[in-house]
Amino acid sequence: MKRRRGFYSISVVAKMFSVHQQTIRMYEKEGLISPKRTEGNTRLFSEEDVDRLEKVIHLTHKVGVNLAGVQIILKLQKKIQRMQNDMNKLFEQMHGNLEEESVRYKKEIKQQGEKLIEMKKAHKNDEKNGPIDVGTSSIKKDEEDFDDDWEIDYE
């Protein structure tokens, strides 16, 4: 049966699932479903209530789970859904962090590459201009001064 959006009375919901209204009342009493109430205390089932009731009926009638088992299953499903949402948020956050880090590394690599290119160009220019004078004359002078300072006295 195709459902429309809105609220449903207990009689309509009971017909949807071919269960007795008393069965639905028992599920409510056990806390498995929580339909809204009008001022006149009439139960109104939302789409979410109907979906939850469908799960309860499937577990009890088709799978053979008792009501305590249904409560545990529904709690675990809710907990799993929260954990899945938390994991999805964490994955999204980590993906964003990785994207930022990747952009930062690419930028840094580009800058380092540009520096290397500049260094290569500078080295090629130095080779064209000839060998670099490193001041060998001052080194020789220091060596001469060093040799003259050593005298050994023997007694």
Protein backbone atom coordinates (compact mmCIF):
# COMPACT_ATOMS: atom_id res chain seq x y z
CA MET A 1 0.00 0.00 0.00
CA LYS A 2 1.46 3.38 -1.02
CA ARG A 3 1.51 5.91 1.81
CA ARG A 4 1.05 9.66 1.59
CA ARG A 5 2.83 12.18 3.82
CA GLY A 6 0.96 13.19 6.94
CA PHE A 7 -0.40 11.66 10.10
CA TYR A 8 -2.38 8.45 10.40
CA SER A 9 -4.84 7.18 12.96
CA ILE A 10 -4.33 3.85 14.70
CA SER A 11 -7.04 2.20 12.64
CA VAL A 12 -5.38 3.19 9.35
CA VAL A 13 -1.97 2.02 10.56
CA ALA A 14 -3.44 -1.28 11.78
CA LYS A 15 -4.92 -1.87 8.31
CA MET A 16 -1.61 -0.95 6.63
CA PHE A 17 0.18 -3.76 8.42
CA SER A 18 -2.70 -6.17 8.93
CA VAL A 19 -2.30 -6.17 12.72
CA HIS A 20 -4.78 -5.58 15.48
CA GLN A 21 -4.96 -2.11 17.04
CA GLN A 22 -4.31 -3.70 20.43
CA THR A 23 -0.95 -4.96 19.11
CA ILE A 24 0.02 -1.39 18.20
CA ARG A 25 -1.08 -0.17 21.64
CA MET A 26 1.09 -2.87 23.24
CA TYR A 27 4.12 -1.73 21.19
CA GLU A 28 3.48 1.80 22.39
CA LYS A 29 3.15 0.63 26.00
CA GLU A 30 6.52 -1.17 25.69
CA GLY A 31 8.10 2.06 24.40
CA LEU A 32 8.85 0.72 20.93
CA ILE A 33 6.84 3.48 19.24
CA SER A 34 5.78 6.94 20.39
CA PRO A 35 2.94 8.40 18.33
CA LYS A 36 1.86 11.98 18.92
CA ARG A 37 -1.41 12.71 20.70
CA THR A 38 -4.15 15.22 19.94
CA GLU A 39 -5.85 17.25 22.65
CA GLY A 40 -8.52 14.56 22.69
CA ASN A 41 -5.75 11.94 23.32
CA THR A 42 -6.11 10.35 19.87
CA ARG A 43 -2.94 8.75 18.56
CA LEU A 44 -1.46 10.29 15.41
CA PHE A 45 1.28 8.32 13.66
CA SER A 46 3.84 10.26 11.62
CA GLU A 47 5.84 8.76 8.74
CA GLU A 48 8.71 8.09 11.15
CA ASP A 49 6.33 6.34 13.57
CA VAL A 50 4.97 4.19 10.74
CA ASP A 51 8.51 3.32 9.56
CA ARG A 52 9.53 2.35 13.10
CA LEU A 53 6.34 0.30 13.54
CA GLU A 54 7.12 -1.46 10.27
CA LYS A 55 10.54 -2.46 11.67
CA VAL A 56 8.96 -3.69 14.91
CA ILE A 57 6.34 -5.74 13.08
CA HIS A 58 8.98 -7.19 10.76
CA LEU A 59 11.20 -8.20 13.68
CA THR A 60 8.37 -9.67 15.77
CA HIS A 61 6.22 -11.32 13.12
CA LYS A 62 8.67 -12.23 10.36
CA VAL A 63 11.95 -12.81 12.23
CA GLY A 64 10.46 -14.01 15.51
CA VAL A 65 12.28 -11.63 17.85
CA ASN A 66 10.65 -10.99 21.23
CA LEU A 67 9.93 -7.42 22.42
CA ALA A 68 13.05 -7.23 24.59
CA GLY A 69 15.13 -8.24 21.58
CA VAL A 70 13.38 -5.64 19.45
CA GLN A 71 14.23 -2.94 22.00
CA ILE A 72 17.88 -3.97 21.96
CA ILE A 73 17.98 -4.11 18.15
CA LEU A 74 16.39 -0.67 17.78
CA LYS A 75 18.78 0.86 20.35
CA LEU A 76 21.76 -0.70 18.60
CA GLN A 77 20.55 0.53 15.22
CA LYS A 78 20.24 4.04 16.61
CA LYS A 79 23.72 3.83 18.15
CA ILE A 80 25.19 2.49 14.91
CA GLN A 81 23.58 5.33 12.97
CA ARG A 82 25.08 7.92 15.36
CA MET A 83 28.49 6.29 15.08
CA GLN A 84 28.19 6.21 11.29
CA ASN A 85 27.34 9.92 11.27
CA ASP A 86 30.32 10.65 13.52
CA MET A 87 32.61 8.62 11.26
CA ASN A 88 31.32 10.43 8.17
CA LYS A 89 32.02 13.79 9.81
CA LEU A 90 35.49 12.63 10.79
CA PHE A 91 36.21 11.40 7.26
CA GLU A 92 35.02 14.69 5.80
CA GLN A 93 37.22 16.62 8.23
CA MET A 94 40.25 14.44 7.48
CA HIS A 95 39.62 14.75 3.74
CA GLY A 96 39.58 18.53 4.11
CA ASN A 97 42.80 18.44 6.14
CA LEU A 98 44.47 16.25 3.50
CA GLU A 99 43.36 18.61 0.75
CA GLU A 100 44.80 21.60 2.62
CA GLU A 101 48.04 19.76 3.29
CA SER A 102 48.30 18.67 -0.34
CA VAL A 103 47.86 22.25 -1.54
CA ARG A 104 50.45 23.45 0.95
CA TYR A 105 52.98 20.77 -0.11
CA LYS A 106 52.42 21.50 -3.81
CA LYS A 107 53.03 25.19 -3.18
CA GLU A 108 56.18 24.44 -1.18
CA ILE A 109 57.48 22.05 -3.85
CA LYS A 110 56.86 24.67 -6.52
CA GLN A 111 58.79 27.28 -4.50
CA GLN A 112 61.69 24.86 -3.92
CA GLY A 113 61.72 24.01 -7.64
CA GLU A 114 61.87 27.69 -8.54
CA LYS A 115 64.80 28.17 -6.13
CA LEU A 116 66.65 25.24 -7.72
CA ILE A 117 66.11 26.67 -11.19
CA GLU A 118 67.48 30.03 -10.02
CA MET A 119 70.51 28.31 -8.48
CA LYS A 120 71.16 26.39 -11.73
CA LYS A 121 70.96 29.59 -13.75
CA ALA A 122 73.35 31.34 -11.36
CA HIS A 123 75.78 28.41 -11.57
CA LYS A 124 75.69 28.45 -15.39
CA ASN A 125 76.38 32.20 -15.38
CA ASP A 126 79.35 31.69 -13.04
CA GLU A 127 80.77 29.00 -15.34
CA LYS A 128 80.51 31.38 -18.33
CA ASN A 129 82.39 34.12 -16.45
CA GLY A 130 85.31 31.83 -15.60
CA PRO A 131 86.61 30.36 -12.37
CA ILE A 132 85.92 32.15 -9.19
CA ASP A 133 88.90 33.76 -7.37
CA VAL A 134 88.79 32.51 -3.83
CA GLY A 135 91.73 34.59 -2.64
CA THR A 136 94.58 32.05 -2.80
CA SER A 137 97.19 34.74 -2.20
CA SER A 138 95.87 35.41 1.29
CA ILE A 139 95.95 31.70 2.02
CA LYS A 140 99.62 31.49 0.97
CA LYS A 141 100.44 34.51 3.11
CA ASP A 142 98.84 32.90 6.15
CA GLU A 143 100.80 29.71 5.50
CA GLU A 144 104.09 31.67 5.37
CA ASP A 145 103.30 33.44 8.62
CA PHE A 146 102.49 30.14 10.21
CA ASP A 147 105.81 28.56 9.22
CA ASP A 148 107.84 31.45 10.62
CA ASP A 149 106.21 31.39 14.04
CA TRP A 150 107.52 27.95 15.00
CA GLU A 151 110.81 27.84 16.76
CA ILE A 152 111.95 25.10 19.06
CA ASP A 153 114.40 25.82 21.86
CA TYR A 154 116.61 22.95 23.02
CA GLU A 155 118.50 23.12 26.27
